[in-house]
Amino acid sequence: YKKVELVVRVFSRMRARRLVVVGRGPEQDNLRRMAGPNVTLAGEVSRAGLRDLMRGARGFIHAACEDFGIAMAEAQACGTPVVAYGVGGAQEIVRPGTGVLFAEQSTEALAEALDMLEADDAGLDPAHIRSNALRFSREAFAARIVGEMGRRIGER
């Protein structure tokens, strides 16, 4: 359901761009067969290694539909823009100036979104992207909970 094969298929056709896929799954062998020379299947990486990859990436791709999608927020916390399938949590996480949403899970739509990200690359500010992700930090969540509790108690 992660649609990694879609992402690998697109990058395997766009040889000028490099893709690093992190993690393991039941499609590993299939992905290895379809991957072009510009696609690296990194497997499992440490938390620090993942953070370094995200910090150094031109973009983070999320092609699945998820209720939230913590990896998108984590990528943005590293200042990395997100290219995401524009349903579910991606609609909340990816705001203007923080990435690109695509409307359908197709090679054409993803390739177009990647082109849009590349065209907008100079206009993307890592500090702005990071501040967007901080809306989902523990501190922000705690402040909202305390504020809501105070509001509710005040209503009584």
C-alpha atoms as a PDB file:
ATOM      1  CA  TYR A   1       0.000   0.000   0.000  1.00  0.00           C
ATOM      2  CA  LYS A   2       3.022   2.307   0.275  1.00  0.00           C
ATOM      3  CA  LYS A   3       3.218   2.488  -3.549  1.00  0.00           C
ATOM      4  CA  VAL A   4       7.021   2.227  -3.526  1.00  0.00           C
ATOM      5  CA  GLU A   5       6.878   0.408  -6.867  1.00  0.00           C
ATOM      6  CA  LEU A   6       5.264   3.523  -8.390  1.00  0.00           C
ATOM      7  CA  VAL A   7       8.108   5.720  -7.154  1.00  0.00           C
ATOM      8  CA  VAL A   8      10.785   3.269  -8.322  1.00  0.00           C
ATOM      9  CA  ARG A   9       9.112   2.989 -11.734  1.00  0.00           C
ATOM     10  CA  VAL A  10       9.108   6.783 -12.183  1.00  0.00           C
ATOM     11  CA  PHE A  11      12.734   7.235 -11.118  1.00  0.00           C
ATOM     12  CA  SER A  12      13.901   4.309 -13.226  1.00  0.00           C
ATOM     13  CA  ARG A  13      12.614   6.248 -16.248  1.00  0.00           C
ATOM     14  CA  MET A  14      14.102   9.559 -15.074  1.00  0.00           C
ATOM     15  CA  ARG A  15      17.740   8.528 -15.010  1.00  0.00           C
ATOM     16  CA  ALA A  16      19.027  12.051 -14.323  1.00  0.00           C
ATOM     17  CA  ARG A  17      17.410  11.921 -10.861  1.00  0.00           C
ATOM     18  CA  ARG A  18      18.582   9.747  -7.990  1.00  0.00           C
ATOM     19  CA  LEU A  19      16.317   7.832  -5.603  1.00  0.00           C
ATOM     20  CA  VAL A  20      17.206   6.225  -2.280  1.00  0.00           C
ATOM     21  CA  VAL A  21      14.581   3.831  -0.899  1.00  0.00           C
ATOM     22  CA  VAL A  22      14.820   3.130   2.826  1.00  0.00           C
ATOM     23  CA  GLY A  23      13.357   0.101   4.570  1.00  0.00           C
ATOM     24  CA  ARG A  24      12.503  -3.480   3.756  1.00  0.00           C
ATOM     25  CA  GLY A  25       9.299  -5.155   2.750  1.00  0.00           C
ATOM     26  CA  PRO A  26       7.749  -8.040   0.869  1.00  0.00           C
ATOM     27  CA  GLU A  27       8.298  -6.268  -2.490  1.00  0.00           C
ATOM     28  CA  GLN A  28      12.085  -5.962  -2.030  1.00  0.00           C
ATOM     29  CA  ASP A  29      13.008  -8.480  -4.746  1.00  0.00           C
ATOM     30  CA  ASN A  30      10.477  -7.044  -7.190  1.00  0.00           C
ATOM     31  CA  LEU A  31      11.776  -3.506  -6.546  1.00  0.00           C
ATOM     32  CA  ARG A  32      15.364  -4.644  -7.082  1.00  0.00           C
ATOM     33  CA  ARG A  33      14.420  -6.126 -10.481  1.00  0.00           C
ATOM     34  CA  MET A  34      12.656  -2.976 -11.673  1.00  0.00           C
ATOM     35  CA  ALA A  35      15.152  -0.449 -10.257  1.00  0.00           C
ATOM     36  CA  GLY A  36      17.339   1.466 -12.671  1.00  0.00           C
ATOM     37  CA  PRO A  37      20.992   2.287 -11.931  1.00  0.00           C
ATOM     38  CA  ASN A  38      19.930   5.599 -10.345  1.00  0.00           C
ATOM     39  CA  VAL A  39      17.825   3.812  -7.703  1.00  0.00           C
ATOM     40  CA  THR A  40      19.446   2.626  -4.471  1.00  0.00           C
ATOM     41  CA  LEU A  41      17.617   0.221  -2.173  1.00  0.00           C
ATOM     42  CA  ALA A  42      19.296   1.087   1.126  1.00  0.00           C
ATOM     43  CA  GLY A  43      17.363  -1.372   3.299  1.00  0.00           C
ATOM     44  CA  GLU A  44      17.225  -0.644   7.003  1.00  0.00           C
ATOM     45  CA  VAL A  45      19.153   2.400   8.191  1.00  0.00           C
ATOM     46  CA  SER A  46      19.731   3.795  11.669  1.00  0.00           C
ATOM     47  CA  ARG A  47      17.658   6.691  12.962  1.00  0.00           C
ATOM     48  CA  ALA A  48      20.695   8.965  12.581  1.00  0.00           C
ATOM     49  CA  GLY A  49      21.301   7.634   9.071  1.00  0.00           C
ATOM     50  CA  LEU A  50      17.701   8.294   8.120  1.00  0.00           C
ATOM     51  CA  ARG A  51      17.913  11.834   9.477  1.00  0.00           C
ATOM     52  CA  ASP A  52      21.099  12.438   7.468  1.00  0.00           C
ATOM     53  CA  LEU A  53      19.456  11.107   4.295  1.00  0.00           C
ATOM     54  CA  MET A  54      16.427  13.349   4.826  1.00  0.00           C
ATOM     55  CA  ARG A  55      18.570  16.406   5.538  1.00  0.00           C
ATOM     56  CA  GLY A  56      20.566  15.847   2.351  1.00  0.00           C
ATOM     57  CA  ALA A  57      17.611  15.037   0.092  1.00  0.00           C
ATOM     58  CA  ARG A  58      16.143  17.401  -2.487  1.00  0.00           C
ATOM     59  CA  GLY A  59      12.745  15.954  -1.621  1.00  0.00           C
ATOM     60  CA  PHE A  60      10.904  13.212   0.240  1.00  0.00           C
ATOM     61  CA  ILE A  61       8.327  11.216  -1.704  1.00  0.00           C
ATOM     62  CA  HIS A  62       5.212   9.768  -0.129  1.00  0.00           C
ATOM     63  CA  ALA A  63       2.935   8.031  -2.638  1.00  0.00           C
ATOM     64  CA  ALA A  64       0.577   6.285  -0.190  1.00  0.00           C
ATOM     65  CA  CYS A  65      -2.676   7.370   1.392  1.00  0.00           C
ATOM     66  CA  GLU A  66      -2.317   7.561   5.166  1.00  0.00           C
ATOM     67  CA  ASP A  67      -4.358   9.142   7.912  1.00  0.00           C
ATOM     68  CA  PHE A  68      -1.355  11.196   8.980  1.00  0.00           C
ATOM     69  CA  GLY A  69       2.024  10.023   7.689  1.00  0.00           C
ATOM     70  CA  ILE A  70       4.624  10.838  10.343  1.00  0.00           C
ATOM     71  CA  ALA A  71       7.495  10.362   7.860  1.00  0.00           C
ATOM     72  CA  MET A  72       6.296  13.417   5.903  1.00  0.00           C
ATOM     73  CA  ALA A  73       6.421  15.567   9.044  1.00  0.00           C
ATOM     74  CA  GLU A  74       9.825  14.116   9.942  1.00  0.00           C
ATOM     75  CA  ALA A  75      11.189  14.976   6.493  1.00  0.00           C
ATOM     76  CA  GLN A  76       9.885  18.515   6.777  1.00  0.00           C
ATOM     77  CA  ALA A  77      11.401  18.798  10.267  1.00  0.00           C
ATOM     78  CA  CYS A  78      14.721  18.232   8.460  1.00  0.00           C
ATOM     79  CA  GLY A  79      13.889  21.122   6.097  1.00  0.00           C
ATOM     80  CA  THR A  80      13.153  18.756   3.213  1.00  0.00           C
ATOM     81  CA  PRO A  81      10.175  19.416   0.936  1.00  0.00           C
ATOM     82  CA  VAL A  82       7.621  16.638   0.465  1.00  0.00           C
ATOM     83  CA  VAL A  83       6.089  15.341  -2.760  1.00  0.00           C
ATOM     84  CA  ALA A  84       2.975  13.458  -1.702  1.00  0.00           C
ATOM     85  CA  TYR A  85      -0.212  11.870  -2.953  1.00  0.00           C
ATOM     86  CA  GLY A  86      -2.676  14.613  -2.019  1.00  0.00           C
ATOM     87  CA  VAL A  87      -5.144  12.708   0.140  1.00  0.00           C
ATOM     88  CA  GLY A  88      -5.372  11.925   3.840  1.00  0.00           C
ATOM     89  CA  GLY A  89      -2.735  13.409   6.112  1.00  0.00           C
ATOM     90  CA  ALA A  90      -0.693  14.814   3.233  1.00  0.00           C
ATOM     91  CA  GLN A  91      -3.354  17.509   2.792  1.00  0.00           C
ATOM     92  CA  GLU A  92      -2.716  18.670   6.359  1.00  0.00           C
ATOM     93  CA  ILE A  93       1.059  18.357   6.314  1.00  0.00           C
ATOM     94  CA  VAL A  94       2.062  19.703   2.882  1.00  0.00           C
ATOM     95  CA  ARG A  95       1.243  23.390   2.646  1.00  0.00           C
ATOM     96  CA  PRO A  96       2.276  25.921  -0.006  1.00  0.00           C
ATOM     97  CA  GLY A  97       6.020  26.427   0.031  1.00  0.00           C
ATOM     98  CA  THR A  98       6.662  23.087   1.771  1.00  0.00           C
ATOM     99  CA  GLY A  99       6.238  20.652  -1.110  1.00  0.00           C
ATOM    100  CA  VAL A 100       3.948  19.457  -3.885  1.00  0.00           C
ATOM    101  CA  LEU A 101       0.807  17.330  -3.830  1.00  0.00           C
ATOM    102  CA  PHE A 102      -0.209  15.115  -6.760  1.00  0.00           C
ATOM    103  CA  ALA A 103      -3.799  14.120  -7.452  1.00  0.00           C
ATOM    104  CA  GLU A 104      -3.539  10.493  -8.577  1.00  0.00           C
ATOM    105  CA  GLN A 105      -1.249   7.544  -7.982  1.00  0.00           C
ATOM    106  CA  SER A 106       0.103   7.378 -11.514  1.00  0.00           C
ATOM    107  CA  THR A 107       3.552   7.632 -13.061  1.00  0.00           C
ATOM    108  CA  GLU A 108       2.453  10.721 -15.009  1.00  0.00           C
ATOM    109  CA  ALA A 109       1.130  12.573 -11.956  1.00  0.00           C
ATOM    110  CA  LEU A 110       4.195  11.767  -9.855  1.00  0.00           C
ATOM    111  CA  ALA A 111       6.608  12.746 -12.650  1.00  0.00           C
ATOM    112  CA  GLU A 112       4.754  16.049 -13.072  1.00  0.00           C
ATOM    113  CA  ALA A 113       4.932  16.714  -9.316  1.00  0.00           C
ATOM    114  CA  LEU A 114       8.680  16.038  -9.341  1.00  0.00           C
ATOM    115  CA  ASP A 115       9.075  18.507 -12.216  1.00  0.00           C
ATOM    116  CA  MET A 116       7.075  21.074 -10.237  1.00  0.00           C
ATOM    117  CA  LEU A 117       9.283  20.564  -7.187  1.00  0.00           C
ATOM    118  CA  GLU A 118      12.416  20.960  -9.265  1.00  0.00           C
ATOM    119  CA  ALA A 119      11.060  24.136 -10.897  1.00  0.00           C
ATOM    120  CA  ASP A 120      10.233  25.558  -7.448  1.00  0.00           C
ATOM    121  CA  ASP A 121      13.482  24.356  -5.832  1.00  0.00           C
ATOM    122  CA  ALA A 122      15.036  27.822  -5.559  1.00  0.00           C
ATOM    123  CA  GLY A 123      11.900  29.167  -3.878  1.00  0.00           C
ATOM    124  CA  LEU A 124      11.783  26.534  -1.151  1.00  0.00           C
ATOM    125  CA  ASP A 125      13.176  27.695   2.184  1.00  0.00           C
ATOM    126  CA  PRO A 126      14.294  24.881   4.524  1.00  0.00           C
ATOM    127  CA  ALA A 127      13.564  27.066   7.581  1.00  0.00           C
ATOM    128  CA  HIS A 128       9.989  27.641   6.387  1.00  0.00           C
ATOM    129  CA  ILE A 129       9.566  23.923   5.687  1.00  0.00           C
ATOM    130  CA  ARG A 130      10.893  23.063   9.162  1.00  0.00           C
ATOM    131  CA  SER A 131       8.599  25.590  10.865  1.00  0.00           C
ATOM    132  CA  ASN A 132       5.638  23.992   9.093  1.00  0.00           C
ATOM    133  CA  ALA A 133       6.555  20.614  10.591  1.00  0.00           C
ATOM    134  CA  LEU A 134       6.894  22.078  14.080  1.00  0.00           C
ATOM    135  CA  ARG A 135       3.092  22.406  14.142  1.00  0.00           C
ATOM    136  CA  PHE A 136       3.184  18.671  14.904  1.00  0.00           C
ATOM    137  CA  SER A 137       5.855  18.747  17.630  1.00  0.00           C
ATOM    138  CA  ARG A 138       5.252  17.395  21.124  1.00  0.00           C
ATOM    139  CA  GLU A 139       5.432  20.927  22.493  1.00  0.00           C
ATOM    140  CA  ALA A 140       2.814  22.244  20.072  1.00  0.00           C
ATOM    141  CA  PHE A 141       0.546  19.283  20.817  1.00  0.00           C
ATOM    142  CA  ALA A 142       0.907  19.784  24.589  1.00  0.00           C
ATOM    143  CA  ALA A 143       0.162  23.500  24.272  1.00  0.00           C
ATOM    144  CA  ARG A 144      -2.990  22.778  22.247  1.00  0.00           C
ATOM    145  CA  ILE A 145      -4.179  20.180  24.765  1.00  0.00           C
ATOM    146  CA  VAL A 146      -3.571  22.498  27.733  1.00  0.00           C
ATOM    147  CA  GLY A 147      -5.281  25.358  25.885  1.00  0.00           C
ATOM    148  CA  GLU A 148      -8.300  23.235  25.046  1.00  0.00           C
ATOM    149  CA  MET A 149      -8.559  21.923  28.603  1.00  0.00           C
ATOM    150  CA  GLY A 150      -8.381  25.475  29.946  1.00  0.00           C
ATOM    151  CA  ARG A 151     -11.060  26.590  27.520  1.00  0.00           C
ATOM    152  CA  ARG A 152     -13.339  23.691  28.499  1.00  0.00           C
ATOM    153  CA  ILE A 153     -12.832  24.251  32.219  1.00  0.00           C
ATOM    154  CA  GLY A 154     -13.564  27.945  31.723  1.00  0.00           C
ATOM    155  CA  GLU A 155     -16.876  27.068  30.065  1.00  0.00           C
ATOM    156  CA  ARG A 156     -18.192  25.416  33.217  1.00  0.00           C
END
